[in-house]
């Protein structure tokens, strides 16, 4: 047992006659490790991008609510009357009348 551990530590399994099998396995494991590392980096990039997009969505939603509340305030009748009062326009005192057109059949 001790002898096998010494042979592994010295690297004799890499230079012996049947080392080709060992090298193929080591290269295979190295390629798998590279694929796993690149996959992990790709997943991290996607997670960061999703986080950034979620932050943008929250900011845009907040801006939308803010603009919508400002629009509701601007559309109020009292605000419209106040803004047009400076231009000399005032609301009508008489209520509007509905005009009916009746076509006579001849």
PDB file of N, CA and C in Angstrom:
ATOM      1  N   UNK A   1       0.833  -1.197   0.000  1.00  0.00           N
ATOM      2  CA  UNK A   1       0.000   0.000   0.000  1.00  0.00           C
ATOM      3  C   UNK A   1       0.865   1.242   0.000  1.00  0.00           C
ATOM      4  N   UNK A   2       1.884   1.224   0.859  1.00  0.00           N
ATOM      5  CA  UNK A   2       2.790   2.356   0.936  1.00  0.00           C
ATOM      6  C   UNK A   2       3.543   2.546  -0.379  1.00  0.00           C
ATOM      7  N   UNK A   3       3.915   1.441  -0.973  1.00  0.00           N
ATOM      8  CA  UNK A   3       4.670   1.480  -2.237  1.00  0.00           C
ATOM      9  C   UNK A   3       3.812   2.098  -3.348  1.00  0.00           C
ATOM     10  N   UNK A   4       2.527   1.765  -3.393  1.00  0.00           N
ATOM     11  CA  UNK A   4       1.633   2.312  -4.428  1.00  0.00           C
ATOM     12  C   UNK A   4       1.470   3.821  -4.258  1.00  0.00           C
ATOM     13  N   UNK A   5       1.354   4.276  -3.027  1.00  0.00           N
ATOM     14  CA  UNK A   5       1.217   5.713  -2.777  1.00  0.00           C
ATOM     15  C   UNK A   5       2.477   6.445  -3.215  1.00  0.00           C
ATOM     16  N   UNK A   6       3.649   5.857  -2.931  1.00  0.00           N
ATOM     17  CA  UNK A   6       4.908   6.480  -3.365  1.00  0.00           C
ATOM     18  C   UNK A   6       4.995   6.536  -4.880  1.00  0.00           C
ATOM     19  N   UNK A   7       4.541   5.487  -5.554  1.00  0.00           N
ATOM     20  CA  UNK A   7       4.586   5.471  -7.023  1.00  0.00           C
ATOM     21  C   UNK A   7       3.659   6.543  -7.606  1.00  0.00           C
ATOM     22  N   UNK A   8       2.495   6.734  -6.978  1.00  0.00           N
ATOM     23  CA  UNK A   8       1.560   7.766  -7.451  1.00  0.00           C
ATOM     24  C   UNK A   8       2.161   9.146  -7.219  1.00  0.00           C
ATOM     25  N   UNK A   9       2.750   9.363  -6.041  1.00  0.00           N
ATOM     26  CA  UNK A   9       3.343  10.665  -5.744  1.00  0.00           C
ATOM     27  C   UNK A   9       4.546  10.965  -6.637  1.00  0.00           C
ATOM     28  N   UNK A  10       5.313   9.951  -6.982  1.00  0.00           N
ATOM     29  CA  UNK A  10       6.471  10.151  -7.855  1.00  0.00           C
ATOM     30  C   UNK A  10       6.055  10.310  -9.317  1.00  0.00           C
ATOM     31  N   UNK A  11       4.846   9.895  -9.667  1.00  0.00           N
ATOM     32  CA  UNK A  11       4.342  10.036 -11.026  1.00  0.00           C
ATOM     33  C   UNK A  11       4.738   8.907 -11.931  1.00  0.00           C
ATOM     34  N   UNK A  12       5.041   7.753 -11.392  1.00  0.00           N
ATOM     35  CA  UNK A  12       5.459   6.623 -12.224  1.00  0.00           C
ATOM     36  C   UNK A  12       4.324   6.126 -13.111  1.00  0.00           C
ATOM     37  N   UNK A  13       3.088   6.359 -12.725  1.00  0.00           N
ATOM     38  CA  UNK A  13       1.960   5.907 -13.547  1.00  0.00           C
ATOM     39  C   UNK A  13       1.879   6.702 -14.849  1.00  0.00           C
ATOM     40  N   UNK A  14       2.581   7.857 -14.913  1.00  0.00           N
ATOM     41  CA  UNK A  14       2.566   8.671 -16.132  1.00  0.00           C
ATOM     42  C   UNK A  14       3.673   8.293 -17.109  1.00  0.00           C
ATOM     43  N   UNK A  15       4.702   7.606 -16.641  1.00  0.00           N
ATOM     44  CA  UNK A  15       5.834   7.284 -17.515  1.00  0.00           C
ATOM     45  C   UNK A  15       6.015   5.784 -17.721  1.00  0.00           C
ATOM     46  N   UNK A  16       5.170   4.985 -17.152  1.00  0.00           N
ATOM     47  CA  UNK A  16       5.298   3.536 -17.325  1.00  0.00           C
ATOM     48  C   UNK A  16       4.845   3.137 -18.716  1.00  0.00           C
ATOM     49  N   UNK A  17       4.927   1.835 -19.030  1.00  0.00           N
ATOM     50  CA  UNK A  17       4.613   1.342 -20.376  1.00  0.00           C
ATOM     51  C   UNK A  17       3.132   1.504 -20.720  1.00  0.00           C
ATOM     52  N   UNK A  18       2.245   1.305 -19.778  1.00  0.00           N
ATOM     53  CA  UNK A  18       0.816   1.440 -20.049  1.00  0.00           C
ATOM     54  C   UNK A  18       0.299   2.830 -19.644  1.00  0.00           C
ATOM     55  N   UNK A  19       1.151   3.825 -19.735  1.00  0.00           N
ATOM     56  CA  UNK A  19       0.793   5.193 -19.335  1.00  0.00           C
ATOM     57  C   UNK A  19      -0.183   5.845 -20.307  1.00  0.00           C
ATOM     58  N   UNK A  20      -0.275   5.342 -21.534  1.00  0.00           N
ATOM     59  CA  UNK A  20      -1.174   5.942 -22.526  1.00  0.00           C
ATOM     60  C   UNK A  20      -2.620   5.936 -22.032  1.00  0.00           C
ATOM     61  N   UNK A  21      -3.054   4.855 -21.387  1.00  0.00           N
ATOM     62  CA  UNK A  21      -4.414   4.789 -20.832  1.00  0.00           C
ATOM     63  C   UNK A  21      -4.599   5.856 -19.757  1.00  0.00           C
ATOM     64  N   UNK A  22      -3.581   6.011 -18.931  1.00  0.00           N
ATOM     65  CA  UNK A  22      -3.671   7.010 -17.865  1.00  0.00           C
ATOM     66  C   UNK A  22      -3.722   8.419 -18.440  1.00  0.00           C
ATOM     67  N   UNK A  23      -2.901   8.701 -19.453  1.00  0.00           N
ATOM     68  CA  UNK A  23      -2.895  10.027 -20.062  1.00  0.00           C
ATOM     69  C   UNK A  23      -4.232  10.339 -20.723  1.00  0.00           C
ATOM     70  N   UNK A  24      -4.830   9.356 -21.384  1.00  0.00           N
ATOM     71  CA  UNK A  24      -6.139   9.587 -22.013  1.00  0.00           C
ATOM     72  C   UNK A  24      -7.171   9.953 -20.952  1.00  0.00           C
ATOM     73  N   UNK A  25      -7.137   9.240 -19.844  1.00  0.00           N
ATOM     74  CA  UNK A  25      -8.100   9.517 -18.765  1.00  0.00           C
ATOM     75  C   UNK A  25      -7.857  10.893 -18.146  1.00  0.00           C
ATOM     76  N   UNK A  26      -6.601  11.259 -17.967  1.00  0.00           N
ATOM     77  CA  UNK A  26      -6.270  12.571 -17.395  1.00  0.00           C
ATOM     78  C   UNK A  26      -6.696  13.690 -18.337  1.00  0.00           C
ATOM     79  N   UNK A  27      -6.451  13.518 -19.619  1.00  0.00           N
ATOM     80  CA  UNK A  27      -6.866  14.537 -20.603  1.00  0.00           C
ATOM     81  C   UNK A  27      -8.393  14.639 -20.632  1.00  0.00           C
ATOM     82  N   UNK A  28      -9.071  13.488 -20.572  1.00  0.00           N
ATOM     83  CA  UNK A  28     -10.531  13.489 -20.541  1.00  0.00           C
ATOM     84  C   UNK A  28     -11.052  14.247 -19.321  1.00  0.00           C
ATOM     85  N   UNK A  29     -10.474  13.977 -18.156  1.00  0.00           N
ATOM     86  CA  UNK A  29     -10.888  14.684 -16.941  1.00  0.00           C
ATOM     87  C   UNK A  29     -10.600  16.177 -17.034  1.00  0.00           C
ATOM     88  N   UNK A  30      -9.465  16.532 -17.643  1.00  0.00           N
ATOM     89  CA  UNK A  30      -9.129  17.954 -17.804  1.00  0.00           C
ATOM     90  C   UNK A  30     -10.144  18.652 -18.703  1.00  0.00           C
ATOM     91  N   UNK A  31     -10.526  17.991 -19.792  1.00  0.00           N
ATOM     92  CA  UNK A  31     -11.528  18.581 -20.684  1.00  0.00           C
ATOM     93  C   UNK A  31     -12.876  18.729 -19.981  1.00  0.00           C
ATOM     94  N   UNK A  32     -13.250  17.731 -19.201  1.00  0.00           N
ATOM     95  CA  UNK A  32     -14.499  17.840 -18.436  1.00  0.00           C
ATOM     96  C   UNK A  32     -14.452  19.005 -17.453  1.00  0.00           C
ATOM     97  N   UNK A  33     -13.292  19.180 -16.813  1.00  0.00           N
ATOM     98  CA  UNK A  33     -13.150  20.293 -15.864  1.00  0.00           C
ATOM     99  C   UNK A  33     -13.279  21.632 -16.593  1.00  0.00           C
ATOM    100  N   UNK A  34     -12.684  21.748 -17.775  1.00  0.00           N
ATOM    101  CA  UNK A  34     -12.801  22.992 -18.546  1.00  0.00           C
ATOM    102  C   UNK A  34     -14.242  23.266 -18.954  1.00  0.00           C
ATOM    103  N   UNK A  35     -14.949  22.227 -19.355  1.00  0.00           N
ATOM    104  CA  UNK A  35     -16.361  22.400 -19.735  1.00  0.00           C
ATOM    105  C   UNK A  35     -17.182  22.840 -18.524  1.00  0.00           C
ATOM    106  N   UNK A  36     -16.938  22.257 -17.372  1.00  0.00           N
ATOM    107  CA  UNK A  36     -17.670  22.640 -16.165  1.00  0.00           C
ATOM    108  C   UNK A  36     -17.373  24.080 -15.768  1.00  0.00           C
ATOM    109  N   UNK A  37     -16.114  24.480 -15.870  1.00  0.00           N
ATOM    110  CA  UNK A  37     -15.735  25.855 -15.514  1.00  0.00           C
ATOM    111  C   UNK A  37     -16.404  26.853 -16.454  1.00  0.00           C
ATOM    112  N   UNK A  38     -16.367  26.560 -17.760  1.00  0.00           N
ATOM    113  CA  UNK A  38     -16.992  27.492 -18.713  1.00  0.00           C
ATOM    114  C   UNK A  38     -18.504  27.536 -18.515  1.00  0.00           C
ATOM    115  N   UNK A  39     -19.104  26.406 -18.197  1.00  0.00           N
ATOM    116  CA  UNK A  39     -20.547  26.369 -17.942  1.00  0.00           C
ATOM    117  C   UNK A  39     -20.896  27.199 -16.706  1.00  0.00           C
ATOM    118  N   UNK A  40     -20.081  27.093 -15.670  1.00  0.00           N
ATOM    119  CA  UNK A  40     -20.329  27.866 -14.451  1.00  0.00           C
ATOM    120  C   UNK A  40     -20.202  29.364 -14.713  1.00  0.00           C
ATOM    121  N   UNK A  41     -19.210  29.753 -15.508  1.00  0.00           N
ATOM    122  CA  UNK A  41     -19.045  31.177 -15.829  1.00  0.00           C
ATOM    123  C   UNK A  41     -20.228  31.684 -16.650  1.00  0.00           C
ATOM    124  N   UNK A  42     -20.677  30.866 -17.576  1.00  0.00           N
ATOM    125  CA  UNK A  42     -21.824  31.255 -18.394  1.00  0.00           C
ATOM    126  C   UNK A  42     -23.076  31.431 -17.526  1.00  0.00           C
ATOM    127  N   UNK A  43     -23.279  30.516 -16.601  1.00  0.00           N
ATOM    128  CA  UNK A  43     -24.441  30.622 -15.704  1.00  0.00           C
ATOM    129  C   UNK A  43     -24.336  31.867 -14.831  1.00  0.00           C
ATOM    130  N   UNK A  44     -23.145  32.179 -14.340  1.00  0.00           N
ATOM    131  CA  UNK A  44     -22.962  33.387 -13.521  1.00  0.00           C
ATOM    132  C   UNK A  44     -23.267  34.646 -14.322  1.00  0.00           C
ATOM    133  N   UNK A  45     -22.819  34.678 -15.577  1.00  0.00           N
ATOM    134  CA  UNK A  45     -23.102  35.846 -16.429  1.00  0.00           C
ATOM    135  C   UNK A  45     -24.612  36.023 -16.598  1.00  0.00           C
ATOM    136  N   UNK A  46     -25.310  34.904 -16.814  1.00  0.00           N
ATOM    137  CA  UNK A  46     -26.758  34.988 -17.005  1.00  0.00           C
ATOM    138  C   UNK A  46     -27.460  35.454 -15.731  1.00  0.00           C
ATOM    139  N   UNK A  47     -26.981  34.989 -14.580  1.00  0.00           N
ATOM    140  CA  UNK A  47     -27.577  35.404 -13.311  1.00  0.00           C
ATOM    141  C   UNK A  47     -27.391  36.908 -13.103  1.00  0.00           C
ATOM    142  N   UNK A  48     -26.194  37.412 -13.414  1.00  0.00           N
ATOM    143  CA  UNK A  48     -25.943  38.850 -13.269  1.00  0.00           C
ATOM    144  C   UNK A  48     -26.800  39.657 -14.237  1.00  0.00           C
ATOM    145  N   UNK A  49     -26.955  39.155 -15.461  1.00  0.00           N
ATOM    146  CA  UNK A  49     -27.776  39.863 -16.442  1.00  0.00           C
ATOM    147  C   UNK A  49     -29.240  39.885 -16.008  1.00  0.00           C
ATOM    148  N   UNK A  50     -29.739  38.770 -15.477  1.00  0.00           N
ATOM    149  CA  UNK A  50     -31.122  38.715 -14.998  1.00  0.00           C
ATOM    150  C   UNK A  50     -31.323  39.685 -13.843  1.00  0.00           C
ATOM    151  N   UNK A  51     -30.362  39.750 -12.948  1.00  0.00           N
ATOM    152  CA  UNK A  51     -30.447  40.676 -11.812  1.00  0.00           C
ATOM    153  C   UNK A  51     -30.489  42.120 -12.301  1.00  0.00           C
ATOM    154  N   UNK A  52     -29.643  42.434 -13.268  1.00  0.00           N
ATOM    155  CA  UNK A  52     -29.605  43.792 -13.822  1.00  0.00           C
ATOM    156  C   UNK A  52     -30.932  44.135 -14.495  1.00  0.00           C
ATOM    157  N   UNK A  53     -31.485  43.190 -15.260  1.00  0.00           N
ATOM    158  CA  UNK A  53     -32.760  43.439 -15.935  1.00  0.00           C
ATOM    159  C   UNK A  53     -33.902  43.576 -14.932  1.00  0.00           C
ATOM    160  N   UNK A  54     -33.883  42.807 -13.858  1.00  0.00           N
ATOM    161  CA  UNK A  54     -34.918  42.952 -12.824  1.00  0.00           C
ATOM    162  C   UNK A  54     -34.856  44.329 -12.170  1.00  0.00           C
ATOM    163  N   UNK A  55     -33.642  44.824 -11.954  1.00  0.00           N
ATOM    164  CA  UNK A  55     -33.481  46.167 -11.381  1.00  0.00           C
ATOM    165  C   UNK A  55     -34.052  47.215 -12.334  1.00  0.00           C
ATOM    166  N   UNK A  56     -33.773  47.055 -13.633  1.00  0.00           N
ATOM    167  CA  UNK A  56     -34.305  47.998 -14.624  1.00  0.00           C
ATOM    168  C   UNK A  56     -35.828  47.951 -14.658  1.00  0.00           C
ATOM    169  N   UNK A  57     -36.389  46.754 -14.565  1.00  0.00           N
ATOM    170  CA  UNK A  57     -37.854  46.621 -14.582  1.00  0.00           C
ATOM    171  C   UNK A  57     -38.460  47.339 -13.392  1.00  0.00           C
ATOM    172  N   UNK A  58     -37.856  47.182 -12.226  1.00  0.00           N
ATOM    173  CA  UNK A  58     -38.368  47.863 -11.031  1.00  0.00           C
ATOM    174  C   UNK A  58     -38.284  49.379 -11.179  1.00  0.00           C
ATOM    175  N   UNK A  59     -37.172  49.872 -11.735  1.00  0.00           N
ATOM    176  CA  UNK A  59     -37.025  51.318 -11.933  1.00  0.00           C
ATOM    177  C   UNK A  59     -38.058  51.837 -12.925  1.00  0.00           C
ATOM    178  N   UNK A  60     -38.254  51.121 -14.028  1.00  0.00           N
ATOM    179  CA  UNK A  60     -39.221  51.559 -15.035  1.00  0.00           C
ATOM    180  C   UNK A  60     -40.655  51.503 -14.504  1.00  0.00           C
ATOM    181  N   UNK A  61     -40.952  50.486 -13.706  1.00  0.00           N
ATOM    182  CA  UNK A  61     -42.295  50.399 -13.121  1.00  0.00           C
ATOM    183  C   UNK A  61     -42.532  51.569 -12.167  1.00  0.00           C
ATOM    184  N   UNK A  62     -41.512  51.917 -11.394  1.00  0.00           N
ATOM    185  CA  UNK A  62     -41.615  53.046 -10.476  1.00  0.00           C
ATOM    186  C   UNK A  62     -41.811  54.350 -11.253  1.00  0.00           C
ATOM    187  N   UNK A  63     -41.059  54.513 -12.328  1.00  0.00           N
ATOM    188  CA  UNK A  63     -41.199  55.717 -13.157  1.00  0.00           C
ATOM    189  C   UNK A  63     -42.594  55.778 -13.775  1.00  0.00           C
ATOM    190  N   UNK A  64     -43.115  54.627 -14.224  1.00  0.00           N
ATOM    191  CA  UNK A  64     -44.451  54.580 -14.810  1.00  0.00           C
ATOM    192  C   UNK A  64     -45.503  55.026 -13.810  1.00  0.00           C
ATOM    193  N   UNK A  65     -45.418  54.521 -12.586  1.00  0.00           N
ATOM    194  CA  UNK A  65     -46.398  54.889 -11.559  1.00  0.00           C
ATOM    195  C   UNK A  65     -46.302  56.381 -11.256  1.00  0.00           C
ATOM    196  N   UNK A  66     -45.089  56.903 -11.198  1.00  0.00           N
ATOM    197  CA  UNK A  66     -44.894  58.323 -10.915  1.00  0.00           C
ATOM    198  C   UNK A  66     -45.490  59.190 -12.019  1.00  0.00           C
ATOM    199  N   UNK A  67     -45.217  58.835 -13.270  1.00  0.00           N
ATOM    200  CA  UNK A  67     -45.738  59.620 -14.399  1.00  0.00           C
ATOM    201  C   UNK A  67     -47.253  59.502 -14.475  1.00  0.00           C
ATOM    202  N   UNK A  68     -47.778  58.317 -14.183  1.00  0.00           N
ATOM    203  CA  UNK A  68     -49.229  58.147 -14.228  1.00  0.00           C
ATOM    204  C   UNK A  68     -49.910  58.995 -13.153  1.00  0.00           C
ATOM    205  N   UNK A  69     -49.318  59.081 -11.964  1.00  0.00           N
ATOM    206  CA  UNK A  69     -49.925  59.906 -10.912  1.00  0.00           C
ATOM    207  C   UNK A  69     -49.848  61.391 -11.279  1.00  0.00           C
ATOM    208  N   UNK A  70     -48.745  61.818 -11.907  1.00  0.00           N
ATOM    209  CA  UNK A  70     -48.656  63.215 -12.354  1.00  0.00           C
ATOM    210  C   UNK A  70     -49.702  63.507 -13.421  1.00  0.00           C
ATOM    211  N   UNK A  71     -49.900  62.564 -14.330  1.00  0.00           N
ATOM    212  CA  UNK A  71     -50.896  62.741 -15.383  1.00  0.00           C
ATOM    213  C   UNK A  71     -52.293  62.853 -14.792  1.00  0.00           C
ATOM    214  N   UNK A  72     -52.602  62.044 -13.802  1.00  0.00           N
ATOM    215  CA  UNK A  72     -53.916  62.108 -13.171  1.00  0.00           C
ATOM    216  C   UNK A  72     -54.138  63.475 -12.519  1.00  0.00           C
ATOM    217  N   UNK A  73     -53.081  64.037 -11.932  1.00  0.00           N
ATOM    218  CA  UNK A  73     -53.208  65.359 -11.309  1.00  0.00           C
ATOM    219  C   UNK A  73     -53.399  66.438 -12.371  1.00  0.00           C
ATOM    220  N   UNK A  74     -52.692  66.321 -13.488  1.00  0.00           N
ATOM    221  CA  UNK A  74     -52.795  67.333 -14.554  1.00  0.00           C
ATOM    222  C   UNK A  74     -54.163  67.268 -15.227  1.00  0.00           C
ATOM    223  N   UNK A  75     -54.753  66.082 -15.329  1.00  0.00           N
ATOM    224  CA  UNK A  75     -56.035  65.924 -16.004  1.00  0.00           C
ATOM    225  C   UNK A  75     -57.224  66.358 -15.154  1.00  0.00           C
ATOM    226  N   UNK A  76     -57.005  66.638 -13.885  1.00  0.00           N
ATOM    227  CA  UNK A  76     -58.123  67.043 -13.024  1.00  0.00           C
ATOM    228  C   UNK A  76     -58.735  68.337 -13.543  1.00  0.00           C
ATOM    229  N   UNK A  77     -60.055  68.428 -13.439  1.00  0.00           N
ATOM    230  CA  UNK A  77     -60.780  69.580 -13.981  1.00  0.00           C
ATOM    231  C   UNK A  77     -60.320  70.880 -13.334  1.00  0.00           C
ATOM    232  N   UNK A  78     -60.071  70.874 -12.048  1.00  0.00           N
ATOM    233  CA  UNK A  78     -59.665  72.110 -11.366  1.00  0.00           C
ATOM    234  C   UNK A  78     -58.300  72.583 -11.874  1.00  0.00           C
ATOM    235  N   UNK A  79     -57.392  71.656 -12.169  1.00  0.00           N
ATOM    236  CA  UNK A  79     -56.070  72.039 -12.700  1.00  0.00           C
ATOM    237  C   UNK A  79     -56.190  72.589 -14.110  1.00  0.00           C
ATOM    238  N   UNK A  80     -57.063  71.970 -14.928  1.00  0.00           N
ATOM    239  CA  UNK A  80     -57.261  72.454 -16.302  1.00  0.00           C
ATOM    240  C   UNK A  80     -57.858  73.856 -16.275  1.00  0.00           C
ATOM    241  N   UNK A  81     -58.843  74.069 -15.411  1.00  0.00           N
ATOM    242  CA  UNK A  81     -59.477  75.391 -15.299  1.00  0.00           C
ATOM    243  C   UNK A  81     -58.464  76.425 -14.836  1.00  0.00           C
ATOM    244  N   UNK A  82     -57.638  76.075 -13.871  1.00  0.00           N
ATOM    245  CA  UNK A  82     -56.640  77.014 -13.359  1.00  0.00           C
ATOM    246  C   UNK A  82     -55.600  77.358 -14.427  1.00  0.00           C
ATOM    247  N   UNK A  83     -55.192  76.369 -15.226  1.00  0.00           N
ATOM    248  CA  UNK A  83     -54.179  76.649 -16.257  1.00  0.00           C
ATOM    249  C   UNK A  83     -54.753  77.464 -17.415  1.00  0.00           C
ATOM    250  N   UNK A  84     -56.035  77.260 -17.744  1.00  0.00           N
ATOM    251  CA  UNK A  84     -56.647  78.011 -18.840  1.00  0.00           C
ATOM    252  C   UNK A  84     -57.154  79.376 -18.389  1.00  0.00           C
ATOM    253  N   UNK A  85     -57.301  79.607 -17.099  1.00  0.00           N
ATOM    254  CA  UNK A  85     -57.768  80.896 -16.579  1.00  0.00           C
ATOM    255  C   UNK A  85     -56.764  81.994 -16.919  1.00  0.00           C
ATOM    256  N   UNK A  86     -55.499  81.669 -16.919  1.00  0.00           N
ATOM    257  CA  UNK A  86     -54.478  82.664 -17.270  1.00  0.00           C
ATOM    258  C   UNK A  86     -54.543  83.061 -18.733  1.00  0.00           C
ATOM    259  N   UNK A  87     -55.115  82.240 -19.579  1.00  0.00           N
ATOM    260  CA  UNK A  87     -55.230  82.539 -21.016  1.00  0.00           C
ATOM    261  C   UNK A  87     -56.563  83.187 -21.354  1.00  0.00           C
ATOM    262  N   UNK A  88     -57.374  83.416 -20.355  1.00  0.00           N
ATOM    263  CA  UNK A  88     -58.645  84.096 -20.587  1.00  0.00           C
ATOM    264  C   UNK A  88     -59.799  83.152 -20.860  1.00  0.00           C
ATOM    265  N   UNK A  89     -59.606  81.868 -20.757  1.00  0.00           N
ATOM    266  CA  UNK A  89     -60.689  80.914 -20.987  1.00  0.00           C
ATOM    267  C   UNK A  89     -61.295  80.511 -19.654  1.00  0.00           C
ATOM    268  N   UNK A  90     -62.634  80.451 -19.634  1.00  0.00           N
ATOM    269  CA  UNK A  90     -63.338  80.063 -18.419  1.00  0.00           C
ATOM    270  C   UNK A  90     -64.372  79.012 -18.778  1.00  0.00           C
ATOM    271  N   UNK A  91     -64.757  78.199 -17.817  1.00  0.00           N
ATOM    272  CA  UNK A  91     -65.786  77.186 -18.118  1.00  0.00           C
ATOM    273  C   UNK A  91     -67.140  77.851 -18.370  1.00  0.00           C
ATOM    274  N   UNK A  92     -67.949  77.195 -19.147  1.00  0.00           N
ATOM    275  CA  UNK A  92     -69.272  77.721 -19.482  1.00  0.00           C
ATOM    276  C   UNK A  92     -70.185  77.682 -18.265  1.00  0.00           C
ATOM    277  N   UNK A  93     -71.001  78.710 -18.155  1.00  0.00           N
ATOM    278  CA  UNK A  93     -71.955  78.764 -17.050  1.00  0.00           C
ATOM    279  C   UNK A  93     -73.186  77.933 -17.390  1.00  0.00           C
ATOM    280  N   UNK A  94     -73.579  77.951 -18.665  1.00  0.00           N
ATOM    281  CA  UNK A  94     -74.750  77.194 -19.121  1.00  0.00           C
ATOM    282  C   UNK A  94     -74.332  75.759 -19.451  1.00  0.00           C
ATOM    283  N   UNK A  95     -75.118  74.812 -19.012  1.00  0.00           N
ATOM    284  CA  UNK A  95     -74.780  73.424 -19.348  1.00  0.00           C
ATOM    285  C   UNK A  95     -75.001  73.160 -20.838  1.00  0.00           C
ATOM    286  N   UNK A  96     -74.331  72.210 -21.399  1.00  0.00           N
ATOM    287  CA  UNK A  96     -74.508  71.933 -22.831  1.00  0.00           C
ATOM    288  C   UNK A  96     -75.881  71.311 -23.105  1.00  0.00           C
ATOM    289  N   UNK A  97     -76.397  71.571 -24.309  1.00  0.00           N
ATOM    290  CA  UNK A  97     -77.685  71.016 -24.724  1.00  0.00           C
ATOM    291  C   UNK A  97     -77.435  70.007 -25.824  1.00  0.00           C
ATOM    292  N   UNK A  98     -78.245  68.970 -25.806  1.00  0.00           N
ATOM    293  CA  UNK A  98     -78.122  67.943 -26.814  1.00  0.00           C
ATOM    294  C   UNK A  98     -78.938  68.371 -28.028  1.00  0.00           C
ATOM    295  N   UNK A  99     -78.303  68.313 -29.176  1.00  0.00           N
ATOM    296  CA  UNK A  99     -78.976  68.707 -30.416  1.00  0.00           C
ATOM    297  C   UNK A  99     -79.454  67.438 -31.103  1.00  0.00           C
ATOM    298  N   UNK A 100     -80.749  67.425 -31.415  1.00  0.00           N
ATOM    299  CA  UNK A 100     -81.321  66.256 -32.083  1.00  0.00           C
ATOM    300  C   UNK A 100     -81.709  66.657 -33.494  1.00  0.00           C
ATOM    301  N   UNK A 101     -81.322  65.821 -34.410  1.00  0.00           N
ATOM    302  CA  UNK A 101     -81.699  66.056 -35.807  1.00  0.00           C
ATOM    303  C   UNK A 101     -82.672  64.935 -36.203  1.00  0.00           C
ATOM    304  N   UNK A 102     -83.839  65.359 -36.632  1.00  0.00           N
ATOM    305  CA  UNK A 102     -84.851  64.391 -37.022  1.00  0.00           C
ATOM    306  C   UNK A 102     -85.025  64.483 -38.533  1.00  0.00           C
ATOM    307  N   UNK A 103     -84.832  63.375 -39.167  1.00  0.00           N
ATOM    308  CA  UNK A 103     -85.014  63.328 -40.622  1.00  0.00           C
ATOM    309  C   UNK A 103     -86.460  62.959 -40.911  1.00  0.00           C
ATOM    310  N   UNK A 104     -87.074  63.754 -41.785  1.00  0.00           N
ATOM    311  CA  UNK A 104     -88.443  63.483 -42.186  1.00  0.00           C
ATOM    312  C   UNK A 104     -88.405  62.650 -43.449  1.00  0.00           C
ATOM    313  N   UNK A 105     -89.214  61.632 -43.443  1.00  0.00           N
ATOM    314  CA  UNK A 105     -89.316  60.785 -44.627  1.00  0.00           C
ATOM    315  C   UNK A 105     -90.328  61.424 -45.582  1.00  0.00           C
ATOM    316  N   UNK A 106     -89.958  61.547 -46.802  1.00  0.00           N
ATOM    317  CA  UNK A 106     -90.875  62.179 -47.771  1.00  0.00           C
ATOM    318  C   UNK A 106     -91.585  61.174 -48.589  1.00  0.00           C
TER     319      UNK A 106
END
